[in-house]
Amino acid sequence: MHLASISEANFHFDTREVEPMSEHKLSETKSIVPDFAVIECRIEISLAANRAWEKIGIYGDAGKYLNVESHQIAGEGGIGSIRTISGSIVEVMVGKGPLSYTYTQTTGPMADFQYHGNVALDATGENTSKLTYTINYDQTKMDQPARAAAAERIRPRFQGMVEAMKADAEASAS
């Protein structure tokens, strides 16, 4: 296996041989391999994806779909933009596509669990689209009751969010 590294000064690529992890070393790491929960909420929208995204793809507007206050406090809506939700949660956009964005929570109740979210809109027809909101977080340090409680709290909250986003997008079409 080869490992490539980049020197920022002159973008020189350096490749060197790297030993594959032995079975012994791999077995030692199994106790630290994270266990990520993935929650997906999906909904069909009766509006073309690009038109729907214009309405529901604004990063700082997340709170309006959760019925809480939210503000974009830094950035222009691209990677590195920062929003606050409910005055106590801070999230940073870490990825962006034409009809999607990905963020991580840096301050808030799920920050210690490497919480990430992704909002994506896919065209399913000329005048229809599918909204997918994916949440993932590391549940390794949660016991079984805490895992169940987190999923029971998150899934309905974000399903309600995608339903509110659908209603907002479709209302803008009339």
Protein backbone atom coordinates (compact mmCIF):
# COMPACT_ATOMS: atom_id res chain seq x y z
CA MET A 1 0.00 0.00 0.00
CA HIS A 2 1.24 3.53 -0.73
CA LEU A 3 0.66 6.67 1.27
CA ALA A 4 0.78 10.02 -0.53
CA SER A 5 1.48 13.24 1.28
CA ILE A 6 1.30 16.81 0.05
CA SER A 7 3.69 19.54 1.01
CA GLU A 8 1.70 22.79 1.13
CA ALA A 9 4.73 24.86 0.18
CA ASN A 10 5.16 23.45 -3.32
CA PHE A 11 2.48 20.76 -3.71
CA HIS A 12 5.17 18.11 -4.09
CA PHE A 13 3.78 14.59 -3.93
CA ASP A 14 5.81 12.14 -1.89
CA THR A 15 4.90 8.48 -1.92
CA ARG A 16 6.27 5.93 0.46
CA GLU A 17 5.53 2.35 1.31
CA VAL A 18 3.23 1.75 4.32
CA GLU A 19 2.85 -1.63 6.02
CA PRO A 20 -0.70 -3.03 6.10
CA MET A 21 -2.09 -3.42 9.63
CA SER A 22 -1.42 -6.90 10.98
CA GLU A 23 -4.30 -9.07 12.23
CA HIS A 24 -2.90 -8.69 15.74
CA LYS A 25 -2.90 -4.89 15.57
CA LEU A 26 -6.35 -4.91 13.97
CA SER A 27 -7.76 -7.03 16.81
CA GLU A 28 -6.27 -4.56 19.32
CA THR A 29 -8.18 -1.68 17.69
CA LYS A 30 -11.60 -3.36 17.63
CA SER A 31 -12.41 -2.01 21.08
CA ILE A 32 -12.03 1.54 19.76
CA VAL A 33 -13.84 1.15 16.46
CA PRO A 34 -16.77 3.57 16.60
CA ASP A 35 -20.38 2.47 16.26
CA PHE A 36 -22.24 5.13 14.29
CA ALA A 37 -26.02 5.37 14.33
CA VAL A 38 -27.56 6.49 11.04
CA ILE A 39 -31.04 7.98 10.91
CA GLU A 40 -32.54 8.85 7.52
CA CYS A 41 -35.73 10.81 7.03
CA ARG A 42 -37.10 11.02 3.47
CA ILE A 43 -40.01 12.68 1.78
CA GLU A 44 -41.21 13.28 -1.76
CA ILE A 45 -41.75 16.90 -2.84
CA SER A 46 -44.06 17.91 -5.67
CA LEU A 47 -41.67 20.51 -7.05
CA ALA A 48 -38.58 20.41 -9.26
CA ALA A 49 -35.43 19.90 -7.20
CA ASN A 50 -33.73 23.18 -8.16
CA ARG A 51 -36.87 25.21 -7.36
CA ALA A 52 -37.39 23.42 -4.05
CA TRP A 53 -33.72 23.90 -3.08
CA GLU A 54 -34.01 27.66 -3.61
CA LYS A 55 -36.60 27.67 -0.85
CA ILE A 56 -35.41 25.00 1.60
CA GLY A 57 -31.65 24.83 1.03
CA ILE A 58 -30.74 27.96 2.99
CA TYR A 59 -28.28 26.86 5.68
CA GLY A 60 -29.25 29.44 8.30
CA ASP A 61 -32.97 28.61 8.05
CA ALA A 62 -32.85 25.22 9.80
CA GLY A 63 -34.57 26.56 12.91
CA LYS A 64 -37.70 27.60 11.06
CA TYR A 65 -38.32 23.94 10.20
CA LEU A 66 -37.71 22.89 13.82
CA ASN A 67 -39.86 25.72 15.26
CA VAL A 68 -36.85 27.23 17.06
CA GLU A 69 -34.63 30.23 16.51
CA SER A 70 -31.63 29.87 14.20
CA HIS A 71 -29.10 32.25 12.68
CA GLN A 72 -26.23 31.96 10.29
CA ILE A 73 -23.48 33.76 12.20
CA ALA A 74 -20.53 33.37 9.84
CA GLY A 75 -19.87 32.66 6.19
CA GLU A 76 -21.84 33.11 3.00
CA GLY A 77 -23.74 29.80 3.04
CA GLY A 78 -20.83 27.70 1.81
CA ILE A 79 -18.29 25.41 3.44
CA GLY A 80 -17.12 26.93 6.72
CA SER A 81 -20.40 28.78 7.33
CA ILE A 82 -21.56 28.62 10.94
CA ARG A 83 -25.12 28.60 12.29
CA THR A 84 -26.62 28.60 15.75
CA ILE A 85 -29.81 26.80 16.68
CA SER A 86 -31.83 27.58 19.81
CA GLY A 87 -29.01 29.85 20.96
CA SER A 88 -27.01 26.91 22.33
CA ILE A 89 -26.13 24.67 19.39
CA VAL A 90 -23.33 25.60 16.97
CA GLU A 91 -22.99 23.80 13.63
CA VAL A 92 -20.36 24.24 10.90
CA MET A 93 -20.94 23.40 7.24
CA VAL A 94 -18.27 20.90 6.20
CA GLY A 95 -19.52 19.96 2.74
CA LYS A 96 -21.70 21.41 0.00
CA GLY A 97 -23.08 20.28 -3.34
CA PRO A 98 -25.46 21.91 -5.82
CA LEU A 99 -28.50 20.54 -3.94
CA SER A 100 -27.00 19.42 -0.62
CA TYR A 101 -24.97 20.38 2.41
CA THR A 102 -23.30 18.55 5.28
CA TYR A 103 -22.60 19.95 8.73
CA THR A 104 -21.14 18.93 12.06
CA GLN A 105 -22.18 20.01 15.53
CA THR A 106 -19.29 21.62 17.41
CA THR A 107 -21.24 22.82 20.45
CA GLY A 108 -24.43 21.27 21.77
CA PRO A 109 -25.87 18.10 23.21
CA MET A 110 -24.56 15.83 20.43
CA ALA A 111 -21.17 17.48 19.81
CA ASP A 112 -19.34 14.88 21.93
CA PHE A 113 -20.83 12.15 19.74
CA GLN A 114 -19.35 13.42 16.43
CA TYR A 115 -22.84 14.35 15.24
CA HIS A 116 -23.15 15.13 11.52
CA GLY A 117 -26.13 15.91 9.35
CA ASN A 118 -26.65 15.93 5.60
CA VAL A 119 -29.53 17.55 3.73
CA ALA A 120 -29.86 16.45 0.09
CA LEU A 121 -32.45 16.97 -2.61
CA ASP A 122 -32.57 14.66 -5.63
CA ALA A 123 -34.63 15.13 -8.77
CA THR A 124 -37.08 12.26 -9.26
CA GLY A 125 -38.89 13.77 -12.25
CA GLU A 126 -39.32 17.03 -14.11
CA ASN A 127 -41.50 18.48 -11.34
CA THR A 128 -40.75 16.18 -8.41
CA SER A 129 -37.88 15.62 -6.01
CA LYS A 130 -36.91 13.59 -2.95
CA LEU A 131 -35.57 15.23 0.21
CA THR A 132 -33.29 13.09 2.38
CA TYR A 133 -32.09 14.29 5.78
CA THR A 134 -29.43 11.97 7.21
CA ILE A 135 -28.17 12.21 10.78
CA ASN A 136 -25.24 10.17 12.02
CA TYR A 137 -23.47 10.11 15.36
CA ASP A 138 -21.11 7.91 17.31
CA GLN A 139 -23.12 5.92 19.83
CA THR A 140 -20.15 3.85 21.03
CA LYS A 141 -20.14 5.38 24.52
CA MET A 142 -23.94 5.18 24.94
CA ASP A 143 -25.51 2.29 26.80
CA GLN A 144 -28.53 0.59 25.21
CA PRO A 145 -31.18 2.76 26.94
CA ALA A 146 -29.33 5.94 25.89
CA ARG A 147 -29.07 4.68 22.29
CA ALA A 148 -32.80 3.99 22.17
CA ALA A 149 -33.63 7.35 23.77
CA ALA A 150 -31.43 9.24 21.28
CA ALA A 151 -33.06 7.54 18.28
CA GLU A 152 -36.56 8.06 19.72
CA ARG A 153 -35.79 11.76 20.21
CA ILE A 154 -34.02 12.40 16.90
CA ARG A 155 -36.10 10.45 14.35
CA PRO A 156 -39.50 12.13 14.94
CA ARG A 157 -37.91 15.57 15.30
CA PHE A 158 -36.17 15.34 11.93
CA GLN A 159 -39.09 13.59 10.22
CA GLY A 160 -41.17 16.58 11.32
CA MET A 161 -38.46 18.82 9.90
CA VAL A 162 -38.56 17.22 6.44
CA GLU A 163 -42.37 17.43 6.49
CA ALA A 164 -42.12 21.17 7.28
CA MET A 165 -39.53 21.62 4.52
CA LYS A 166 -41.84 19.85 2.04
CA ALA A 167 -44.77 22.07 3.03
CA ASP A 168 -42.64 25.21 2.65
CA ALA A 169 -41.28 24.16 -0.75
CA GLU A 170 -44.69 23.20 -2.11
CA ALA A 171 -46.31 26.39 -0.75
CA SER A 172 -43.76 28.43 -2.70
CA ALA A 173 -44.91 26.71 -5.91
CA SER A 174 -48.49 28.04 -5.66
